[in-house]
Amino acid sequence: MNKKKKLLMCYHSAEFGGVEKQILDIINGLSKDIDFIVVCPNGPMVEEYIRAGAIKHFALSPRYEADLQYSLQIRRIILSENIDIIHAHELLIGSLAIFGAWLALLSCKLRRPPSAYSLQRIYHVHTPFSQWQHKSFKKIPALIINTIVNFVVGNIFATNVLALTPSIKRHRIYKEFILPSKITVIPNGIDLSVFKYSKSERMKFRKKYNLSSNDIVIGNISRFTQEKGHEILIKAFSEVLKLNQFSLKLVLAGSGNLLNSMKSLAVELKIQDKVIFTEKFDEEDKIGILSSFDLFVFPSYAEGFGIVLLEAMAVGLPIIASDIPVLKDVGGNSLEYVHIQKSEKTIINLAKSMDSLIKDKSKLIEMKEKSIQASKKYSIQIFWTNYKTLYCV
């Protein structure tokens, strides 16, 4: 019987989010074939990782951006635990952890014949760093530094560079200058048996938030951070309220740094009675939240994949999304797209798109079926098979 490989999974967070969910899905599906050791700060996801099958957790996180000590700690773990694969996520952790892995490999090759030890080093920046939302005075210096670091890590220290969609692969090649031979495209996946419309969950959620059966609910699920476009969505919803006589509500599910400022914006626009903020919610509530929506709007400025977009598609929601390439990769022709930028024109265009859809019942029904069909390409089983191939198990 072949010995199980050991994989070191590295990330900077143990809160619930898209990357953390991807890590959990990988462990859930492959822990029978691979021994997973997770390196991340303490947090609620650590218990989930262990429950899914991870055998060990190291509570580590860089203290600052060029934290060589973190790289040396990763090197030490790799050598002491006899790690076969390291999979590191995002630019900061990815660069430091993959460099630490390269140092571990170098140490081994100095002590053993070159063929005696191999270490697969997988580097994955989910959302391209050029799309991150920086303050204007930081954007150019950050872009230059990040481009250099990413180029060196991706082309020299890593054995594999991941991309979630074909458009991100093209971005890696033509804007980040990563060698095409290094890049593997593996989309995210979801359990399609779980993400299905539920009438009972819809009624339960609507009752909890005093939503009537006559309310048309426009919804969004995402962290309250700059790149998610909540400000544009709230302002556009305010315009939609002026365009028709329907009973409309906007439900914004999630938490994050900008939550309070978005609540203040709703008050400023005098629509606070029409906007519901769920704040932090349990993962098991997501089906009810999605099922309660009549229209899903996803106006992100930047995404690595948009896993919640895929979940909304599987539930059968008509969707309006920003026209960034990655979301077009995922949604194809099943979605409506709007160009999103910080402008009055964007607010008006998004409002018109929302207003047009909620008035066109036949279009809504057509889009629901298209969403469900498009989601079938992203099953969790395909996701697991792709990672088994990458990890060579």
Protein backbone atom coordinates (compact mmCIF):
# COMPACT_ATOMS: atom_id res chain seq x y z
CA MET A 1 0.00 0.00 0.00
CA ASN A 2 1.38 3.40 -1.04
CA LYS A 3 2.12 5.87 1.71
CA LYS A 4 -0.21 8.88 1.77
CA LYS A 5 1.31 12.16 0.65
CA LYS A 6 1.51 15.03 3.13
CA LEU A 7 0.28 18.44 2.01
CA LEU A 8 0.89 21.74 3.79
CA MET A 9 -1.97 24.21 3.18
CA CYS A 10 -1.08 27.85 3.96
CA TYR A 11 -3.31 30.91 4.22
CA HIS A 12 -3.53 34.12 6.27
CA SER A 13 -7.06 33.69 7.60
CA ALA A 14 -9.28 31.19 9.42
CA GLU A 15 -12.45 33.27 9.13
CA PHE A 16 -15.14 32.13 6.74
CA GLY A 17 -14.67 33.35 3.15
CA GLY A 18 -14.17 32.20 -0.42
CA VAL A 19 -10.57 31.00 -0.10
CA GLU A 20 -11.25 29.36 3.26
CA LYS A 21 -14.24 27.58 1.70
CA GLN A 22 -12.07 26.32 -1.16
CA ILE A 23 -9.50 24.96 1.31
CA LEU A 24 -12.27 23.24 3.28
CA ASP A 25 -13.70 21.69 0.10
CA ILE A 26 -10.29 20.33 -0.89
CA ILE A 27 -9.74 18.76 2.53
CA ASN A 28 -13.28 17.36 2.62
CA GLY A 29 -12.85 15.62 -0.71
CA LEU A 30 -9.26 14.44 -0.55
CA SER A 31 -8.42 13.72 3.10
CA LYS A 32 -8.74 9.96 2.45
CA ASP A 33 -5.93 10.22 -0.09
CA ILE A 34 -3.74 12.96 1.46
CA ASP A 35 -2.71 13.98 4.97
CA PHE A 36 -3.43 17.71 5.23
CA ILE A 37 -1.59 19.99 7.63
CA VAL A 38 -2.97 23.52 7.80
CA VAL A 39 -0.96 26.66 8.56
CA CYS A 40 -3.14 29.67 9.39
CA PRO A 41 -4.05 31.84 12.39
CA ASN A 42 -6.51 30.52 14.97
CA GLY A 43 -10.12 31.04 13.96
CA PRO A 44 -13.49 29.34 13.44
CA MET A 45 -12.40 27.54 10.26
CA VAL A 46 -9.64 25.61 12.02
CA GLU A 47 -12.18 23.36 13.72
CA GLU A 48 -13.89 22.86 10.33
CA TYR A 49 -10.59 21.85 8.73
CA ILE A 50 -9.89 19.30 11.48
CA ARG A 51 -13.42 17.95 11.25
CA ALA A 52 -13.00 17.57 7.49
CA GLY A 53 -9.89 15.45 7.98
CA ALA A 54 -6.84 17.71 8.46
CA ILE A 55 -4.41 15.95 10.78
CA LYS A 56 -2.67 19.00 12.27
CA HIS A 57 -2.79 22.80 12.54
CA PHE A 58 0.05 25.30 13.03
CA ALA A 59 -1.12 28.75 14.20
CA LEU A 60 1.25 30.96 12.20
CA SER A 61 0.89 34.25 10.40
CA PRO A 62 3.43 36.82 9.10
CA ARG A 63 4.01 39.81 11.36
CA TYR A 64 4.80 42.10 8.40
CA GLU A 65 5.10 41.88 4.61
CA ALA A 66 8.73 40.79 4.24
CA ASP A 67 8.71 38.41 7.21
CA LEU A 68 11.67 36.10 6.57
CA GLN A 69 11.06 34.41 9.92
CA TYR A 70 7.70 33.15 8.62
CA SER A 71 9.48 31.64 5.59
CA LEU A 72 11.97 29.92 7.90
CA GLN A 73 9.13 28.58 10.05
CA ILE A 74 7.51 27.09 6.94
CA ARG A 75 10.87 25.58 5.98
CA ARG A 76 11.14 24.00 9.43
CA ILE A 77 7.62 22.52 9.26
CA ILE A 78 8.26 21.07 5.81
CA LEU A 79 11.44 19.35 6.94
CA SER A 80 10.12 18.10 10.29
CA GLU A 81 6.79 16.84 8.87
CA ASN A 82 8.26 15.39 5.65
CA ILE A 83 5.91 17.41 3.47
CA ASP A 84 5.45 16.35 -0.18
CA ILE A 85 3.26 19.25 -1.40
CA ILE A 86 2.78 22.84 -0.29
CA HIS A 87 -0.26 24.78 -1.51
CA ALA A 88 -0.07 28.47 -0.53
CA HIS A 89 -2.77 31.06 -1.16
CA GLU A 90 -2.63 34.76 -2.06
CA LEU A 91 0.36 37.00 -2.65
CA LEU A 92 1.71 37.60 0.87
CA ILE A 93 1.39 34.07 2.25
CA GLY A 94 2.06 32.55 -1.16
CA SER A 95 5.36 34.35 -1.70
CA LEU A 96 6.66 33.80 1.85
CA ALA A 97 5.52 30.17 2.11
CA ILE A 98 6.70 29.15 -1.36
CA PHE A 99 10.08 30.77 -0.69
CA GLY A 100 10.27 28.83 2.58
CA ALA A 101 9.46 25.64 0.66
CA TRP A 102 12.20 26.40 -1.87
CA LEU A 103 14.67 26.84 1.02
CA ALA A 104 13.56 23.45 2.43
CA LEU A 105 14.12 21.80 -0.94
CA LEU A 106 17.52 23.44 -1.26
CA SER A 107 18.51 22.15 2.21
CA CYS A 108 17.51 18.61 1.26
CA LYS A 109 19.34 18.66 -2.04
CA LEU A 110 22.51 19.79 -0.31
CA ARG A 111 22.30 16.74 1.99
CA ARG A 112 20.93 14.13 -0.42
CA PRO A 113 21.29 13.19 -4.10
CA PRO A 114 19.23 15.59 -6.23
CA SER A 115 16.74 12.87 -7.17
CA ALA A 116 16.14 11.79 -3.57
CA TYR A 117 13.58 14.45 -2.67
CA SER A 118 10.96 16.44 -4.52
CA LEU A 119 8.54 19.04 -3.20
CA GLN A 120 5.59 20.26 -5.25
CA ARG A 121 5.16 24.00 -4.65
CA ILE A 122 1.71 25.32 -5.63
CA TYR A 123 1.20 29.10 -5.69
CA HIS A 124 -2.29 30.55 -5.99
CA VAL A 125 -3.25 34.23 -6.02
CA HIS A 126 -7.05 34.05 -6.38
CA THR A 127 -7.90 37.63 -7.37
CA PRO A 128 -5.25 39.25 -9.62
CA PHE A 129 -3.37 41.78 -7.50
CA SER A 130 -3.66 44.48 -10.17
CA GLN A 131 -7.41 44.54 -9.43
CA TRP A 132 -7.03 45.09 -5.67
CA GLN A 133 -8.56 48.31 -4.33
CA HIS A 134 -5.69 50.47 -3.00
CA LYS A 135 -5.73 54.08 -1.92
CA SER A 136 -4.60 56.14 -4.91
CA PHE A 137 -1.22 57.11 -3.46
CA LYS A 138 -0.37 53.44 -2.76
CA LYS A 139 -1.54 51.92 -6.02
CA ILE A 140 1.51 52.45 -8.28
CA PRO A 141 4.21 51.50 -5.72
CA ALA A 142 2.18 48.44 -4.62
CA LEU A 143 1.66 47.34 -8.23
CA ILE A 144 5.38 47.56 -9.04
CA ILE A 145 6.47 45.65 -5.93
CA ASN A 146 3.74 43.03 -6.27
CA THR A 147 4.54 42.46 -9.95
CA ILE A 148 8.21 41.81 -9.19
CA VAL A 149 7.50 39.50 -6.23
CA ASN A 150 4.80 37.60 -8.12
CA PHE A 151 7.04 37.17 -11.17
CA VAL A 152 9.92 35.75 -9.15
CA VAL A 153 7.75 33.43 -7.02
CA GLY A 154 5.65 32.21 -9.93
CA ASN A 155 8.50 31.58 -12.38
CA ILE A 156 11.35 30.54 -10.08
CA PHE A 157 10.24 29.28 -6.66
CA ALA A 158 6.88 27.65 -7.54
CA THR A 159 6.38 24.46 -9.54
CA ASN A 160 2.70 25.22 -10.27
CA VAL A 161 0.73 28.46 -10.55
CA LEU A 162 -3.05 28.16 -10.36
CA ALA A 163 -5.76 30.15 -12.13
CA LEU A 164 -9.47 29.76 -11.43
CA THR A 165 -10.67 30.57 -14.96
CA PRO A 166 -9.26 30.91 -18.51
CA SER A 167 -9.35 34.72 -18.34
CA ILE A 168 -7.22 34.67 -15.18
CA LYS A 169 -4.76 32.36 -16.96
CA ARG A 170 -4.48 34.92 -19.78
CA HIS A 171 -4.02 37.64 -17.17
CA ARG A 172 -1.24 35.63 -15.52
CA ILE A 173 0.54 35.23 -18.87
CA TYR A 174 0.15 38.65 -20.47
CA LYS A 175 0.00 41.00 -17.46
CA GLU A 176 1.94 39.11 -14.78
CA PHE A 177 4.44 37.49 -17.21
CA ILE A 178 4.11 34.00 -15.74
CA LEU A 179 5.30 31.18 -18.01
CA PRO A 180 2.29 29.41 -19.62
CA SER A 181 3.82 26.01 -18.82
CA LYS A 182 3.58 26.81 -15.10
CA ILE A 183 -0.16 27.59 -15.10
CA THR A 184 -3.00 25.15 -14.40
CA VAL A 185 -6.66 26.21 -14.60
CA ILE A 186 -8.88 24.65 -11.92
CA PRO A 187 -12.30 26.25 -11.39
CA ASN A 188 -14.05 26.10 -8.05
CA GLY A 189 -16.92 23.69 -7.55
CA ILE A 190 -19.94 23.30 -5.28
CA ASP A 191 -22.15 20.47 -4.08
CA LEU A 192 -25.04 20.79 -6.51
CA SER A 193 -27.16 18.46 -4.38
CA VAL A 194 -27.06 21.05 -1.56
CA PHE A 195 -27.51 24.27 -3.52
CA LYS A 196 -31.10 23.93 -4.63
CA TYR A 197 -34.05 26.28 -4.26
CA SER A 198 -36.01 25.60 -1.05
CA LYS A 199 -39.51 27.01 -0.65
CA SER A 200 -39.57 26.18 3.09
CA GLU A 201 -36.20 27.91 3.67
CA ARG A 202 -37.43 30.89 1.64
CA MET A 203 -40.49 31.24 3.85
CA LYS A 204 -38.43 30.83 7.03
CA PHE A 205 -35.94 33.53 6.06
CA ARG A 206 -38.66 35.92 4.89
CA LYS A 207 -40.57 35.45 8.12
CA LYS A 208 -37.42 36.16 10.17
CA TYR A 209 -36.90 39.52 8.44
CA ASN A 210 -40.59 40.47 8.04
CA LEU A 211 -40.54 40.13 4.27
CA SER A 212 -43.98 39.57 2.77
CA SER A 213 -44.81 37.21 -0.08
CA ASN A 214 -45.47 40.29 -2.23
CA ASP A 215 -42.03 41.79 -1.68
CA ILE A 216 -39.62 41.57 -4.62
CA VAL A 217 -36.26 40.96 -2.99
CA ILE A 218 -33.04 42.02 -4.66
CA GLY A 219 -30.11 40.43 -2.84
CA ASN A 220 -26.37 40.11 -2.50
CA ILE A 221 -24.09 37.94 -0.37
CA SER A 222 -20.51 39.10 0.11
CA ARG A 223 -18.07 40.63 2.56
CA PHE A 224 -18.39 44.36 3.04
CA THR A 225 -15.08 45.33 1.44
CA GLN A 226 -14.16 47.88 -1.22
CA GLU A 227 -14.02 45.48 -4.16
CA LYS A 228 -17.56 44.13 -3.67
CA GLY A 229 -19.37 47.25 -4.88
CA HIS A 230 -21.99 47.60 -2.12
CA GLU A 231 -22.05 51.39 -2.43
CA ILE A 232 -22.94 51.20 -6.12
CA LEU A 233 -25.64 48.60 -5.42
CA ILE A 234 -27.29 50.62 -2.62
CA LYS A 235 -27.31 53.81 -4.70
CA ALA A 236 -28.68 51.96 -7.74
CA PHE A 237 -31.41 50.37 -5.59
CA SER A 238 -32.36 53.84 -4.38
CA GLU A 239 -32.89 54.80 -8.03
CA VAL A 240 -34.94 51.65 -8.75
CA LEU A 241 -37.33 52.61 -5.95
CA LYS A 242 -38.10 55.81 -7.89
CA LEU A 243 -38.82 53.95 -11.14
CA ASN A 244 -41.75 51.70 -10.16
CA GLN A 245 -44.51 51.00 -7.64
CA PHE A 246 -43.51 47.46 -6.69
CA SER A 247 -42.84 46.57 -3.06
CA LEU A 248 -39.06 46.20 -3.21
CA LYS A 249 -36.50 45.22 -0.59
CA LEU A 250 -32.72 44.98 -0.77
CA VAL A 251 -31.11 42.25 1.36
CA LEU A 252 -27.36 42.50 1.92
CA ALA A 253 -25.97 39.41 3.65
CA GLY A 254 -22.53 39.36 5.22
CA SER A 255 -20.20 41.29 7.47
CA GLY A 256 -16.99 43.24 7.01
CA ASN A 257 -15.16 46.51 7.53
CA LEU A 258 -17.56 48.63 5.49
CA LEU A 259 -20.80 47.32 7.03
CA ASN A 260 -21.44 50.33 9.25
CA SER A 261 -20.65 52.83 6.50
CA MET A 262 -23.10 51.07 4.17
CA LYS A 263 -25.78 51.24 6.89
CA SER A 264 -25.09 54.97 7.14
CA LEU A 265 -25.39 55.30 3.37
CA ALA A 266 -28.87 53.71 3.46
CA VAL A 267 -29.89 56.21 6.14
CA GLU A 268 -28.42 59.10 4.14
CA LEU A 269 -30.46 58.03 1.09
CA LYS A 270 -33.56 57.65 3.32
CA ILE A 271 -34.11 54.03 2.27
CA GLN A 272 -33.13 52.34 5.55
CA ASP A 273 -36.62 50.82 5.85
CA LYS A 274 -36.10 49.14 2.45
CA VAL A 275 -32.62 47.73 3.09
CA ILE A 276 -31.98 44.71 5.32
CA PHE A 277 -28.49 43.90 6.61
CA THR A 278 -28.26 40.33 7.94
CA GLU A 279 -24.70 40.89 9.23
CA LYS A 280 -22.75 37.68 9.94
CA PHE A 281 -24.74 34.51 9.24
CA ASP A 282 -24.22 30.76 9.58
CA GLU A 283 -23.27 28.85 6.45
CA GLU A 284 -26.33 26.60 6.81
CA ASP A 285 -28.53 29.72 6.45
CA LYS A 286 -27.20 30.44 2.96
CA ILE A 287 -29.78 28.29 1.12
CA GLY A 288 -32.59 30.19 2.86
CA ILE A 289 -31.02 33.54 2.07
CA LEU A 290 -30.52 32.71 -1.60
CA SER A 291 -33.97 31.11 -1.90
CA SER A 292 -35.58 34.26 -0.49
CA PHE A 293 -34.11 36.40 -3.30
CA ASP A 294 -35.94 37.13 -6.54
CA LEU A 295 -32.91 38.73 -8.19
CA PHE A 296 -29.21 38.39 -7.30
CA VAL A 297 -26.96 41.38 -8.01
CA PHE A 298 -23.17 41.01 -7.87
CA PRO A 299 -21.48 44.33 -8.77
CA SER A 300 -17.89 43.45 -7.83
CA TYR A 301 -14.94 45.43 -9.09
CA ALA A 302 -12.68 42.39 -8.71
CA GLU A 303 -13.10 38.66 -8.07
CA GLY A 304 -10.95 35.56 -8.14
CA PHE A 305 -13.93 33.40 -9.07
CA GLY A 306 -17.06 34.47 -7.21
CA ILE A 307 -18.12 31.23 -5.52
CA VAL A 308 -21.35 32.81 -4.22
CA LEU A 309 -22.23 33.69 -7.82
CA LEU A 310 -22.02 29.98 -8.65
CA GLU A 311 -24.15 29.13 -5.59
CA ALA A 312 -26.78 31.66 -6.71
CA MET A 313 -26.77 30.14 -10.20
CA ALA A 314 -27.30 26.63 -8.80
CA VAL A 315 -30.28 27.82 -6.73
CA GLY A 316 -31.77 29.15 -9.97
CA LEU A 317 -31.60 32.89 -9.45
CA PRO A 318 -31.67 35.42 -12.28
CA ILE A 319 -28.44 37.38 -11.90
CA ILE A 320 -26.97 40.75 -12.82
CA ALA A 321 -23.19 40.81 -12.41
CA SER A 322 -20.33 43.13 -13.22
CA ASP A 323 -18.78 42.49 -16.61
CA ILE A 324 -15.31 41.58 -15.36
CA PRO A 325 -13.84 38.67 -17.40
CA VAL A 326 -13.75 36.14 -14.55
CA LEU A 327 -17.50 36.47 -13.90
CA LYS A 328 -18.18 36.11 -17.63
CA ASP A 329 -16.11 32.91 -17.55
CA VAL A 330 -18.28 31.53 -14.76
CA GLY A 331 -21.70 32.83 -15.82
CA GLY A 332 -21.45 32.68 -19.60
CA ASN A 333 -24.65 33.73 -21.35
CA SER A 334 -26.85 32.84 -18.37
CA LEU A 335 -26.32 36.23 -16.67
CA GLU A 336 -26.92 39.89 -17.44
CA TYR A 337 -23.79 42.05 -17.18
CA VAL A 338 -23.24 45.71 -16.34
CA HIS A 339 -19.96 47.61 -16.52
CA ILE A 340 -19.12 48.65 -12.96
CA GLN A 341 -17.03 51.69 -12.09
CA LYS A 342 -17.31 54.46 -9.52
CA SER A 343 -19.54 56.79 -11.50
CA GLU A 344 -23.06 58.16 -11.70
CA LYS A 345 -23.43 56.48 -15.09
CA THR A 346 -22.85 53.06 -13.53
CA ILE A 347 -25.49 53.71 -10.87
CA ILE A 348 -28.06 54.65 -13.53
CA ASN A 349 -27.17 51.71 -15.79
CA LEU A 350 -27.38 49.19 -12.95
CA ALA A 351 -30.70 50.68 -11.79
CA LYS A 352 -32.13 50.42 -15.31
CA SER A 353 -30.96 46.80 -15.62
CA MET A 354 -32.56 45.84 -12.29
CA ASP A 355 -35.78 47.71 -13.10
CA SER A 356 -36.04 46.11 -16.53
CA LEU A 357 -35.65 42.59 -15.18
CA ILE A 358 -38.10 42.82 -12.29
CA LYS A 359 -40.73 44.03 -14.79
CA ASP A 360 -40.11 41.16 -17.25
CA LYS A 361 -41.40 37.91 -15.71
CA SER A 362 -40.74 35.80 -18.81
CA LYS A 363 -37.10 36.96 -18.89
CA LEU A 364 -36.72 36.13 -15.19
CA ILE A 365 -38.01 32.58 -15.76
CA GLU A 366 -35.70 32.12 -18.75
CA MET A 367 -32.69 33.32 -16.76
CA LYS A 368 -33.49 30.99 -13.85
CA GLU A 369 -33.26 27.92 -16.10
CA LYS A 370 -30.08 29.19 -17.77
CA SER A 371 -28.45 29.72 -14.36
CA ILE A 372 -29.19 26.15 -13.24
CA GLN A 373 -27.87 24.65 -16.47
CA ALA A 374 -24.68 26.75 -16.41
CA SER A 375 -23.93 25.75 -12.80
CA LYS A 376 -23.75 22.04 -13.72
CA LYS A 377 -20.24 22.50 -15.15
CA TYR A 378 -18.96 23.24 -11.65
CA SER A 379 -19.80 20.19 -9.58
CA ILE A 380 -17.72 19.41 -6.51
CA GLN A 381 -16.87 16.00 -8.00
CA ILE A 382 -15.16 17.62 -10.99
CA PHE A 383 -13.36 19.99 -8.61
CA TRP A 384 -12.00 17.05 -6.55
CA THR A 385 -10.91 15.14 -9.66
CA ASN A 386 -8.99 18.18 -10.91
CA TYR A 387 -7.14 18.56 -7.61
CA LYS A 388 -6.38 14.83 -7.42
CA THR A 389 -4.73 15.20 -10.83
CA LEU A 390 -2.78 18.28 -9.72
CA TYR A 391 -1.57 16.56 -6.55
CA CYS A 392 -0.83 13.35 -8.49
CA VAL A 393 -2.85 11.02 -6.19
